[in-house]
Amino acid sequence: MTAARLLIVGPQGSGKGTQGARISDALGIPTVSTGDVFRANVKDGTELGLKVKAIIDAGDLVPDELTSAIVRDRLEQPDAAAGFLLDGYPRNLGQVGDLDAFLTGRGEALTAVIELSVPRDESISRLSLRAAEQGRADDNEESIAKRLAIYESETAPILDVYRERGVVDVIDGVGTLDEITERITAALAARGITA
């Protein structure tokens, strides 16, 4: 069986979190979400967590170097030895370089990149619905448009790097949760990645 070292990528509202959790559960690997890892480090008061907290409290973005250090630390945990699913990292070309250096140092590489393809208007309507259901102030139309623009300018280019390596599977992210999970599972199975 091929090791499951996966990355899930897609615009906000594409269902990355939901599908990532389903795939991780099915394969028995941890989801490594930068947001979750940041929160865990802050909560545990780790040295990295204290740095992250100070940056976030100041209203700034966590720099690539610190983000990469936190992800490396998480990937070195025993539960990630047999595989992992990255969600939210790498977000830009600099972070791709950091991840490559880390994995190459371990004699590893990503085995598949799942790109959830969702039309922009679908992302916006899903995020607007989530905002209404969860009362999320950060999901207003202006902030949604801004986040989608950042995704398109910074994150989408990383897919070109992974396409050149032949590891990207484009998955239609529109349909029922089960239909989308089945599409991802089938694409991974075609690469020899199965539960």
N, C-alpha and C. Protein backbone atom coordinates (compact mmCIF):
# COMPACT_ATOMS: atom_id res chain seq x y z
N MET A 1 0.85 -1.20 0.00
CA MET A 1 0.00 0.00 0.00
C MET A 1 0.88 1.25 0.00
N THR A 2 0.49 2.23 -0.76
CA THR A 2 1.21 3.50 -0.82
C THR A 2 0.92 4.31 0.45
N ALA A 3 1.98 4.91 1.01
CA ALA A 3 1.80 5.75 2.20
C ALA A 3 0.90 6.93 1.85
N ALA A 4 0.02 7.28 2.77
CA ALA A 4 -0.91 8.38 2.54
C ALA A 4 -0.33 9.66 3.14
N ARG A 5 0.44 10.38 2.34
CA ARG A 5 0.92 11.71 2.73
C ARG A 5 0.20 12.67 1.81
N LEU A 6 -0.89 13.23 2.33
CA LEU A 6 -1.84 13.95 1.49
C LEU A 6 -1.93 15.42 1.84
N LEU A 7 -2.38 16.19 0.84
CA LEU A 7 -2.69 17.60 1.01
C LEU A 7 -4.06 17.80 0.39
N ILE A 8 -4.95 18.48 1.10
CA ILE A 8 -6.25 18.83 0.54
C ILE A 8 -6.28 20.35 0.35
N VAL A 9 -6.64 20.76 -0.86
CA VAL A 9 -6.61 22.18 -1.24
C VAL A 9 -7.94 22.54 -1.90
N GLY A 10 -8.39 23.75 -1.64
CA GLY A 10 -9.60 24.24 -2.29
C GLY A 10 -9.94 25.59 -1.70
N PRO A 11 -10.76 26.35 -2.40
CA PRO A 11 -11.14 27.66 -1.88
C PRO A 11 -11.97 27.51 -0.61
N GLN A 12 -12.07 28.60 0.15
CA GLN A 12 -12.93 28.59 1.33
C GLN A 12 -14.33 28.19 0.88
N GLY A 13 -14.98 27.34 1.70
CA GLY A 13 -16.32 26.90 1.35
C GLY A 13 -16.34 25.69 0.43
N SER A 14 -15.17 25.12 0.11
CA SER A 14 -15.13 23.97 -0.79
C SER A 14 -15.39 22.66 -0.06
N GLY A 15 -15.37 22.70 1.27
CA GLY A 15 -15.62 21.48 2.03
C GLY A 15 -14.36 20.76 2.48
N LYS A 16 -13.22 21.46 2.44
CA LYS A 16 -11.93 20.84 2.82
C LYS A 16 -11.97 20.22 4.21
N GLY A 17 -12.47 20.97 5.18
CA GLY A 17 -12.47 20.47 6.55
C GLY A 17 -13.30 19.20 6.70
N THR A 18 -14.48 19.22 6.13
CA THR A 18 -15.38 18.07 6.22
C THR A 18 -14.80 16.86 5.49
N GLN A 19 -14.37 17.06 4.25
CA GLN A 19 -13.84 15.94 3.47
C GLN A 19 -12.51 15.46 4.03
N GLY A 20 -11.70 16.39 4.51
CA GLY A 20 -10.41 16.02 5.11
C GLY A 20 -10.61 15.09 6.30
N ALA A 21 -11.58 15.44 7.16
CA ALA A 21 -11.88 14.61 8.34
C ALA A 21 -12.36 13.23 7.91
N ARG A 22 -13.20 13.17 6.88
CA ARG A 22 -13.72 11.88 6.41
C ARG A 22 -12.59 11.00 5.86
N ILE A 23 -11.70 11.58 5.07
CA ILE A 23 -10.60 10.82 4.47
C ILE A 23 -9.61 10.37 5.56
N SER A 24 -9.30 11.27 6.48
CA SER A 24 -8.40 10.92 7.59
C SER A 24 -8.95 9.74 8.39
N ASP A 25 -10.25 9.81 8.72
CA ASP A 25 -10.88 8.73 9.48
C ASP A 25 -10.81 7.42 8.71
N ALA A 26 -11.13 7.49 7.41
CA ALA A 26 -11.16 6.27 6.59
C ALA A 26 -9.77 5.63 6.50
N LEU A 27 -8.72 6.46 6.41
CA LEU A 27 -7.36 5.95 6.24
C LEU A 27 -6.63 5.75 7.57
N GLY A 28 -7.22 6.24 8.67
CA GLY A 28 -6.57 6.10 9.97
C GLY A 28 -5.32 6.96 10.12
N ILE A 29 -5.37 8.15 9.51
CA ILE A 29 -4.25 9.09 9.62
C ILE A 29 -4.75 10.41 10.21
N PRO A 30 -3.87 11.19 10.85
CA PRO A 30 -4.32 12.46 11.41
C PRO A 30 -4.48 13.55 10.35
N THR A 31 -5.47 14.42 10.57
CA THR A 31 -5.57 15.64 9.79
C THR A 31 -4.69 16.66 10.49
N VAL A 32 -3.81 17.28 9.74
CA VAL A 32 -2.95 18.33 10.29
C VAL A 32 -3.43 19.65 9.70
N SER A 33 -4.26 20.34 10.49
CA SER A 33 -4.81 21.62 10.08
C SER A 33 -4.02 22.71 10.82
N THR A 34 -3.48 23.67 10.08
CA THR A 34 -2.66 24.69 10.74
C THR A 34 -3.44 25.41 11.81
N GLY A 35 -4.72 25.71 11.56
CA GLY A 35 -5.52 26.40 12.57
C GLY A 35 -5.61 25.59 13.86
N ASP A 36 -5.89 24.29 13.72
CA ASP A 36 -5.97 23.41 14.90
C ASP A 36 -4.64 23.32 15.62
N VAL A 37 -3.55 23.19 14.85
CA VAL A 37 -2.22 23.06 15.45
C VAL A 37 -1.84 24.36 16.17
N PHE A 38 -2.16 25.51 15.57
CA PHE A 38 -1.91 26.80 16.23
C PHE A 38 -2.65 26.86 17.56
N ARG A 39 -3.96 26.53 17.51
CA ARG A 39 -4.77 26.61 18.72
C ARG A 39 -4.25 25.66 19.81
N ALA A 40 -3.85 24.45 19.42
CA ALA A 40 -3.34 23.47 20.40
C ALA A 40 -2.06 23.98 21.05
N ASN A 41 -1.16 24.57 20.25
CA ASN A 41 0.10 25.09 20.79
C ASN A 41 -0.15 26.28 21.72
N VAL A 42 -1.09 27.14 21.36
CA VAL A 42 -1.42 28.30 22.20
C VAL A 42 -2.02 27.80 23.51
N LYS A 43 -2.97 26.86 23.40
CA LYS A 43 -3.65 26.31 24.59
C LYS A 43 -2.65 25.64 25.54
N ASP A 44 -1.69 24.89 24.96
CA ASP A 44 -0.71 24.16 25.77
C ASP A 44 0.43 25.06 26.27
N GLY A 45 0.45 26.32 25.79
CA GLY A 45 1.47 27.26 26.23
C GLY A 45 2.88 26.88 25.81
N THR A 46 3.00 26.19 24.64
CA THR A 46 4.34 25.81 24.17
C THR A 46 5.10 27.07 23.75
N GLU A 47 6.40 26.92 23.60
CA GLU A 47 7.23 28.06 23.17
C GLU A 47 6.72 28.59 21.83
N LEU A 48 6.44 27.66 20.87
CA LEU A 48 5.92 28.08 19.57
C LEU A 48 4.54 28.71 19.73
N GLY A 49 3.73 28.15 20.63
CA GLY A 49 2.39 28.67 20.87
C GLY A 49 2.40 30.09 21.40
N LEU A 50 3.34 30.38 22.30
CA LEU A 50 3.45 31.73 22.85
C LEU A 50 3.81 32.73 21.76
N LYS A 51 4.69 32.31 20.83
CA LYS A 51 5.06 33.19 19.71
C LYS A 51 3.85 33.44 18.82
N VAL A 52 3.10 32.36 18.51
CA VAL A 52 1.91 32.48 17.67
C VAL A 52 0.88 33.40 18.32
N LYS A 53 0.64 33.23 19.61
CA LYS A 53 -0.35 34.03 20.34
C LYS A 53 0.00 35.51 20.26
N ALA A 54 1.27 35.84 20.47
CA ALA A 54 1.69 37.24 20.43
C ALA A 54 1.44 37.85 19.05
N ILE A 55 1.70 37.06 18.00
CA ILE A 55 1.52 37.54 16.63
C ILE A 55 0.03 37.74 16.33
N ILE A 56 -0.77 36.73 16.69
CA ILE A 56 -2.21 36.80 16.42
C ILE A 56 -2.86 37.92 17.23
N ASP A 57 -2.45 38.05 18.52
CA ASP A 57 -2.99 39.12 19.36
C ASP A 57 -2.70 40.50 18.79
N ALA A 58 -1.58 40.61 18.07
CA ALA A 58 -1.22 41.89 17.45
C ALA A 58 -1.97 42.10 16.13
N GLY A 59 -2.75 41.07 15.73
CA GLY A 59 -3.53 41.19 14.50
C GLY A 59 -2.74 40.89 13.25
N ASP A 60 -1.57 40.26 13.42
CA ASP A 60 -0.73 39.96 12.26
C ASP A 60 -0.88 38.50 11.83
N LEU A 61 -0.42 38.20 10.61
CA LEU A 61 -0.41 36.83 10.11
C LEU A 61 0.84 36.12 10.63
N VAL A 62 0.69 34.85 10.96
CA VAL A 62 1.84 34.07 11.42
C VAL A 62 2.78 33.90 10.22
N PRO A 63 4.08 34.28 10.37
CA PRO A 63 5.00 34.18 9.24
C PRO A 63 5.26 32.73 8.82
N ASP A 64 5.63 32.56 7.55
CA ASP A 64 5.87 31.22 6.99
C ASP A 64 6.84 30.41 7.84
N GLU A 65 7.92 31.03 8.28
CA GLU A 65 8.96 30.31 9.03
C GLU A 65 8.38 29.67 10.29
N LEU A 66 7.56 30.42 11.02
CA LEU A 66 6.96 29.91 12.25
C LEU A 66 5.88 28.88 11.94
N THR A 67 5.08 29.14 10.91
CA THR A 67 4.05 28.18 10.50
C THR A 67 4.71 26.86 10.13
N SER A 68 5.78 26.91 9.35
CA SER A 68 6.48 25.70 8.92
C SER A 68 7.08 24.96 10.11
N ALA A 69 7.62 25.70 11.08
CA ALA A 69 8.20 25.06 12.27
C ALA A 69 7.12 24.31 13.05
N ILE A 70 5.96 24.91 13.17
CA ILE A 70 4.86 24.28 13.92
C ILE A 70 4.35 23.03 13.18
N VAL A 71 4.24 23.11 11.86
CA VAL A 71 3.78 21.95 11.09
C VAL A 71 4.83 20.83 11.16
N ARG A 72 6.11 21.18 11.02
CA ARG A 72 7.18 20.15 11.14
C ARG A 72 7.09 19.44 12.48
N ASP A 73 6.91 20.23 13.54
CA ASP A 73 6.80 19.65 14.88
C ASP A 73 5.62 18.67 14.94
N ARG A 74 4.50 19.05 14.33
CA ARG A 74 3.31 18.17 14.36
C ARG A 74 3.54 16.90 13.54
N LEU A 75 4.22 17.03 12.39
CA LEU A 75 4.46 15.86 11.53
C LEU A 75 5.47 14.89 12.14
N GLU A 76 6.22 15.37 13.14
CA GLU A 76 7.18 14.48 13.81
C GLU A 76 6.54 13.68 14.94
N GLN A 77 5.25 13.91 15.22
CA GLN A 77 4.54 13.15 16.26
C GLN A 77 4.32 11.72 15.76
N PRO A 78 4.32 10.75 16.67
CA PRO A 78 4.21 9.34 16.27
C PRO A 78 2.98 9.01 15.42
N ASP A 79 1.84 9.67 15.68
CA ASP A 79 0.62 9.32 14.93
C ASP A 79 0.69 9.73 13.46
N ALA A 80 1.67 10.57 13.10
CA ALA A 80 1.79 11.00 11.70
C ALA A 80 2.85 10.20 10.95
N ALA A 81 3.47 9.23 11.62
CA ALA A 81 4.56 8.45 11.00
C ALA A 81 4.07 7.65 9.79
N ALA A 82 2.85 7.14 9.88
CA ALA A 82 2.33 6.29 8.79
C ALA A 82 1.58 7.08 7.73
N GLY A 83 1.47 8.38 7.92
CA GLY A 83 0.77 9.21 6.95
C GLY A 83 0.04 10.35 7.63
N PHE A 84 -0.46 11.27 6.82
CA PHE A 84 -1.14 12.46 7.35
C PHE A 84 -1.90 13.12 6.22
N LEU A 85 -2.83 14.00 6.58
CA LEU A 85 -3.54 14.81 5.61
C LEU A 85 -3.37 16.27 6.04
N LEU A 86 -2.71 17.04 5.21
CA LEU A 86 -2.49 18.46 5.49
C LEU A 86 -3.68 19.28 5.00
N ASP A 87 -4.14 20.21 5.83
CA ASP A 87 -5.24 21.11 5.48
C ASP A 87 -4.83 22.52 5.89
N GLY A 88 -4.64 23.39 4.90
CA GLY A 88 -4.27 24.77 5.20
C GLY A 88 -2.77 25.02 5.16
N TYR A 89 -2.01 24.02 4.78
CA TYR A 89 -0.55 24.15 4.67
C TYR A 89 -0.08 23.11 3.68
N PRO A 90 0.79 23.47 2.74
CA PRO A 90 1.31 24.82 2.48
C PRO A 90 0.28 25.71 1.79
N ARG A 91 0.35 27.01 2.14
CA ARG A 91 -0.57 28.00 1.58
C ARG A 91 0.04 28.82 0.46
N ASN A 92 1.36 28.78 0.35
CA ASN A 92 2.03 29.59 -0.67
C ASN A 92 3.31 28.88 -1.11
N LEU A 93 3.98 29.44 -2.11
CA LEU A 93 5.16 28.77 -2.68
C LEU A 93 6.31 28.66 -1.68
N GLY A 94 6.45 29.66 -0.79
CA GLY A 94 7.50 29.59 0.23
C GLY A 94 7.29 28.40 1.15
N GLN A 95 6.04 28.17 1.53
CA GLN A 95 5.73 27.04 2.41
C GLN A 95 5.90 25.71 1.68
N VAL A 96 5.67 25.68 0.36
CA VAL A 96 5.92 24.46 -0.43
C VAL A 96 7.40 24.09 -0.30
N GLY A 97 8.27 25.11 -0.43
CA GLY A 97 9.72 24.87 -0.31
C GLY A 97 10.08 24.32 1.06
N ASP A 98 9.47 24.89 2.11
CA ASP A 98 9.74 24.42 3.48
C ASP A 98 9.29 22.98 3.66
N LEU A 99 8.10 22.65 3.16
CA LEU A 99 7.58 21.29 3.29
C LEU A 99 8.44 20.32 2.49
N ASP A 100 8.82 20.70 1.27
CA ASP A 100 9.68 19.84 0.45
C ASP A 100 10.98 19.52 1.18
N ALA A 101 11.60 20.55 1.77
CA ALA A 101 12.88 20.35 2.46
C ALA A 101 12.70 19.38 3.64
N PHE A 102 11.62 19.54 4.38
CA PHE A 102 11.35 18.67 5.53
C PHE A 102 11.13 17.23 5.07
N LEU A 103 10.25 17.03 4.08
CA LEU A 103 9.92 15.68 3.63
C LEU A 103 11.12 15.01 2.96
N THR A 104 11.85 15.77 2.14
CA THR A 104 13.03 15.22 1.46
C THR A 104 14.05 14.75 2.49
N GLY A 105 14.18 15.51 3.58
CA GLY A 105 15.10 15.13 4.66
C GLY A 105 14.72 13.80 5.29
N ARG A 106 13.46 13.41 5.15
CA ARG A 106 12.98 12.12 5.69
C ARG A 106 12.87 11.07 4.60
N GLY A 107 13.29 11.43 3.38
CA GLY A 107 13.17 10.50 2.26
C GLY A 107 11.72 10.29 1.83
N GLU A 108 10.91 11.34 1.98
CA GLU A 108 9.49 11.25 1.67
C GLU A 108 9.07 12.35 0.71
N ALA A 109 7.84 12.24 0.23
CA ALA A 109 7.21 13.27 -0.60
C ALA A 109 5.71 13.12 -0.45
N LEU A 110 4.97 14.16 -0.81
CA LEU A 110 3.51 14.02 -0.82
C LEU A 110 3.13 12.97 -1.86
N THR A 111 2.17 12.11 -1.51
CA THR A 111 1.77 11.08 -2.46
C THR A 111 0.54 11.50 -3.28
N ALA A 112 -0.24 12.44 -2.77
CA ALA A 112 -1.38 12.94 -3.54
C ALA A 112 -1.82 14.30 -3.00
N VAL A 113 -2.28 15.14 -3.93
CA VAL A 113 -2.86 16.43 -3.58
C VAL A 113 -4.30 16.40 -4.10
N ILE A 114 -5.25 16.54 -3.17
CA ILE A 114 -6.67 16.53 -3.51
C ILE A 114 -7.09 17.99 -3.71
N GLU A 115 -7.45 18.34 -4.93
CA GLU A 115 -7.94 19.69 -5.21
C GLU A 115 -9.45 19.64 -5.32
N LEU A 116 -10.13 20.25 -4.34
CA LEU A 116 -11.59 20.32 -4.40
C LEU A 116 -11.97 21.50 -5.28
N SER A 117 -12.56 21.21 -6.41
CA SER A 117 -12.91 22.24 -7.38
C SER A 117 -14.37 22.64 -7.17
N VAL A 118 -14.55 23.90 -6.82
CA VAL A 118 -15.89 24.45 -6.55
C VAL A 118 -15.98 25.82 -7.23
N PRO A 119 -17.04 26.07 -8.01
CA PRO A 119 -17.18 27.40 -8.62
C PRO A 119 -17.24 28.49 -7.55
N ARG A 120 -16.72 29.67 -7.89
CA ARG A 120 -16.66 30.79 -6.95
C ARG A 120 -18.02 31.12 -6.34
N ASP A 121 -19.06 31.15 -7.18
CA ASP A 121 -20.39 31.49 -6.64
C ASP A 121 -20.89 30.43 -5.66
N GLU A 122 -20.49 29.17 -5.87
CA GLU A 122 -20.86 28.10 -4.94
C GLU A 122 -20.15 28.30 -3.60
N SER A 123 -18.85 28.65 -3.64
CA SER A 123 -18.11 28.92 -2.41
C SER A 123 -18.78 30.05 -1.62
N ILE A 124 -19.12 31.13 -2.32
CA ILE A 124 -19.72 32.29 -1.66
C ILE A 124 -21.06 31.92 -1.04
N SER A 125 -21.90 31.15 -1.77
CA SER A 125 -23.21 30.81 -1.19
C SER A 125 -23.05 29.86 0.00
N ARG A 126 -22.09 28.93 -0.05
CA ARG A 126 -21.86 28.04 1.09
C ARG A 126 -21.38 28.82 2.31
N LEU A 127 -20.46 29.75 2.10
CA LEU A 127 -19.93 30.54 3.22
C LEU A 127 -21.00 31.46 3.80
N SER A 128 -21.85 32.02 2.93
CA SER A 128 -22.93 32.88 3.41
C SER A 128 -23.91 32.05 4.26
N LEU A 129 -24.20 30.83 3.81
CA LEU A 129 -25.08 29.94 4.57
C LEU A 129 -24.46 29.60 5.92
N ARG A 130 -23.15 29.28 5.92
CA ARG A 130 -22.46 28.96 7.17
C ARG A 130 -22.50 30.14 8.13
N ALA A 131 -22.32 31.34 7.59
CA ALA A 131 -22.36 32.55 8.42
C ALA A 131 -23.71 32.68 9.10
N ALA A 132 -24.77 32.44 8.33
CA ALA A 132 -26.12 32.56 8.88
C ALA A 132 -26.37 31.48 9.93
N GLU A 133 -25.92 30.25 9.66
CA GLU A 133 -26.15 29.13 10.59
C GLU A 133 -25.33 29.26 11.87
N GLN A 134 -24.07 29.71 11.73
CA GLN A 134 -23.15 29.73 12.87
C GLN A 134 -22.93 31.12 13.45
N GLY A 135 -23.55 32.13 12.85
CA GLY A 135 -23.38 33.50 13.34
C GLY A 135 -21.95 33.97 13.25
N ARG A 136 -21.26 33.58 12.16
CA ARG A 136 -19.85 33.95 12.00
C ARG A 136 -19.72 35.31 11.33
N ALA A 137 -19.23 36.28 12.08
CA ALA A 137 -19.10 37.65 11.57
C ALA A 137 -18.06 37.73 10.46
N ASP A 138 -17.07 36.79 10.47
CA ASP A 138 -16.01 36.86 9.46
C ASP A 138 -16.46 36.32 8.11
N ASP A 139 -17.68 35.81 8.03
CA ASP A 139 -18.19 35.30 6.76
C ASP A 139 -19.19 36.25 6.12
N ASN A 140 -18.84 37.56 6.07
CA ASN A 140 -19.69 38.49 5.33
C ASN A 140 -19.17 38.55 3.89
N GLU A 141 -19.97 39.13 3.00
CA GLU A 141 -19.63 39.08 1.58
C GLU A 141 -18.28 39.71 1.26
N GLU A 142 -17.96 40.80 1.93
CA GLU A 142 -16.69 41.49 1.67
C GLU A 142 -15.49 40.63 2.10
N SER A 143 -15.56 40.05 3.31
CA SER A 143 -14.44 39.25 3.79
C SER A 143 -14.32 37.95 3.01
N ILE A 144 -15.45 37.40 2.57
CA ILE A 144 -15.42 36.18 1.75
C ILE A 144 -14.70 36.47 0.44
N ALA A 145 -15.06 37.57 -0.21
CA ALA A 145 -14.42 37.94 -1.48
C ALA A 145 -12.93 38.15 -1.29
N LYS A 146 -12.55 38.79 -0.17
CA LYS A 146 -11.13 39.04 0.10
C LYS A 146 -10.37 37.72 0.29
N ARG A 147 -10.95 36.78 1.07
CA ARG A 147 -10.29 35.50 1.30
C ARG A 147 -10.17 34.68 0.02
N LEU A 148 -11.21 34.73 -0.82
CA LEU A 148 -11.15 34.01 -2.09
C LEU A 148 -10.07 34.60 -2.99
N ALA A 149 -9.93 35.93 -2.97
CA ALA A 149 -8.90 36.58 -3.79
C ALA A 149 -7.51 36.18 -3.31
N ILE A 150 -7.31 36.09 -2.00
CA ILE A 150 -6.01 35.66 -1.45
C ILE A 150 -5.74 34.21 -1.85
N TYR A 151 -6.77 33.36 -1.77
CA TYR A 151 -6.61 31.95 -2.18
C TYR A 151 -6.18 31.90 -3.65
N GLU A 152 -6.87 32.67 -4.50
CA GLU A 152 -6.58 32.63 -5.94
C GLU A 152 -5.18 33.15 -6.26
N SER A 153 -4.71 34.16 -5.52
CA SER A 153 -3.40 34.74 -5.84
C SER A 153 -2.23 34.01 -5.17
N GLU A 154 -2.44 33.49 -3.95
CA GLU A 154 -1.33 32.89 -3.21
C GLU A 154 -1.35 31.36 -3.18
N THR A 155 -2.53 30.78 -2.96
CA THR A 155 -2.58 29.32 -2.78
C THR A 155 -2.73 28.58 -4.09
N ALA A 156 -3.59 29.05 -4.99
CA ALA A 156 -3.79 28.35 -6.26
C ALA A 156 -2.47 28.08 -7.00
N PRO A 157 -1.47 29.01 -6.99
CA PRO A 157 -0.22 28.73 -7.70
C PRO A 157 0.55 27.49 -7.18
N ILE A 158 0.33 27.08 -5.94
CA ILE A 158 1.05 25.89 -5.45
C ILE A 158 0.59 24.65 -6.22
N LEU A 159 -0.64 24.70 -6.73
CA LEU A 159 -1.15 23.55 -7.46
C LEU A 159 -0.36 23.31 -8.74
N ASP A 160 0.17 24.38 -9.36
CA ASP A 160 0.99 24.21 -10.57
C ASP A 160 2.23 23.39 -10.26
N VAL A 161 2.84 23.65 -9.10
CA VAL A 161 4.04 22.90 -8.68
C VAL A 161 3.70 21.42 -8.56
N TYR A 162 2.60 21.13 -7.88
CA TYR A 162 2.22 19.73 -7.66
C TYR A 162 1.69 19.07 -8.94
N ARG A 163 1.08 19.86 -9.85
CA ARG A 163 0.65 19.30 -11.14
C ARG A 163 1.87 18.82 -11.93
N GLU A 164 2.95 19.62 -11.90
CA GLU A 164 4.18 19.22 -12.60
C GLU A 164 4.72 17.90 -12.07
N ARG A 165 4.48 17.62 -10.80
CA ARG A 165 4.94 16.37 -10.17
C ARG A 165 3.97 15.22 -10.39
N GLY A 166 2.81 15.53 -10.99
CA GLY A 166 1.83 14.49 -11.29
C GLY A 166 1.09 13.93 -10.10
N VAL A 167 0.92 14.73 -9.04
CA VAL A 167 0.26 14.20 -7.84
C VAL A 167 -1.10 14.85 -7.54
N VAL A 168 -1.58 15.72 -8.44
CA VAL A 168 -2.85 16.42 -8.19
C VAL A 168 -4.02 15.63 -8.77
N ASP A 169 -5.04 15.41 -7.93
CA ASP A 169 -6.31 14.84 -8.38
C ASP A 169 -7.36 15.93 -8.20
N VAL A 170 -7.95 16.38 -9.32
CA VAL A 170 -8.99 17.41 -9.26
C VAL A 170 -10.31 16.70 -9.01
N ILE A 171 -10.95 17.06 -7.91
CA ILE A 171 -12.21 16.43 -7.51
C ILE A 171 -13.32 17.46 -7.62
N ASP A 172 -14.41 17.08 -8.28
CA ASP A 172 -15.58 17.95 -8.35
C ASP A 172 -16.16 18.06 -6.94
N GLY A 173 -16.11 19.27 -6.38
CA GLY A 173 -16.55 19.49 -5.01
C GLY A 173 -18.01 19.84 -4.87
N VAL A 174 -18.80 19.63 -5.94
CA VAL A 174 -20.23 19.91 -5.88
C VAL A 174 -20.98 18.58 -5.90
N GLY A 175 -21.87 18.41 -4.93
CA GLY A 175 -22.65 17.18 -4.82
C GLY A 175 -22.91 16.90 -3.36
N THR A 176 -23.41 15.70 -3.05
CA THR A 176 -23.63 15.36 -1.65
C THR A 176 -22.29 15.06 -1.00
N LEU A 177 -22.24 15.11 0.33
CA LEU A 177 -21.00 14.79 1.04
C LEU A 177 -20.50 13.41 0.65
N ASP A 178 -21.41 12.43 0.59
CA ASP A 178 -21.01 11.07 0.25
C ASP A 178 -20.48 10.96 -1.18
N GLU A 179 -21.11 11.66 -2.12
CA GLU A 179 -20.65 11.62 -3.51
C GLU A 179 -19.22 12.16 -3.61
N ILE A 180 -18.97 13.27 -2.93
CA ILE A 180 -17.64 13.89 -2.99
C ILE A 180 -16.61 12.98 -2.32
N THR A 181 -16.96 12.40 -1.17
CA THR A 181 -16.04 11.47 -0.49
C THR A 181 -15.72 10.29 -1.40
N GLU A 182 -16.74 9.76 -2.09
CA GLU A 182 -16.52 8.63 -3.00
C GLU A 182 -15.58 9.00 -4.14
N ARG A 183 -15.70 10.23 -4.66
CA ARG A 183 -14.81 10.68 -5.74
C ARG A 183 -13.36 10.72 -5.24
N ILE A 184 -13.18 11.26 -4.03
CA ILE A 184 -11.83 11.35 -3.46
C ILE A 184 -11.27 9.96 -3.22
N THR A 185 -12.07 9.08 -2.61
CA THR A 185 -11.64 7.73 -2.30
C THR A 185 -11.22 6.98 -3.57
N ALA A 186 -12.00 7.15 -4.65
CA ALA A 186 -11.69 6.48 -5.92
C ALA A 186 -10.37 7.01 -6.51
N ALA A 187 -10.17 8.33 -6.43
CA ALA A 187 -8.92 8.92 -6.96
C ALA A 187 -7.71 8.42 -6.17
N LEU A 188 -7.85 8.35 -4.84
CA LEU A 188 -6.74 7.85 -4.01
C LEU A 188 -6.49 6.37 -4.28
N ALA A 189 -7.55 5.60 -4.41
CA ALA A 189 -7.40 4.16 -4.69
C ALA A 189 -6.64 3.93 -6.00
N ALA A 190 -6.88 4.81 -6.98
CA ALA A 190 -6.18 4.69 -8.27
C ALA A 190 -4.68 4.93 -8.09
N ARG A 191 -4.30 5.58 -7.00
CA ARG A 191 -2.88 5.81 -6.70
C ARG A 191 -2.35 4.75 -5.70
N GLY A 192 -3.18 3.77 -5.37
CA GLY A 192 -2.76 2.74 -4.44
C GLY A 192 -2.90 3.13 -2.98
N ILE A 193 -3.66 4.19 -2.72
CA ILE A 193 -3.87 4.66 -1.35
C ILE A 193 -5.25 4.21 -0.91
N THR A 194 -5.29 3.17 -0.08
CA THR A 194 -6.57 2.63 0.38
C THR A 194 -6.51 2.37 1.88
N ALA A 195 -7.69 2.21 2.47
CA ALA A 195 -7.77 1.95 3.91
C ALA A 195 -7.32 0.52 4.22
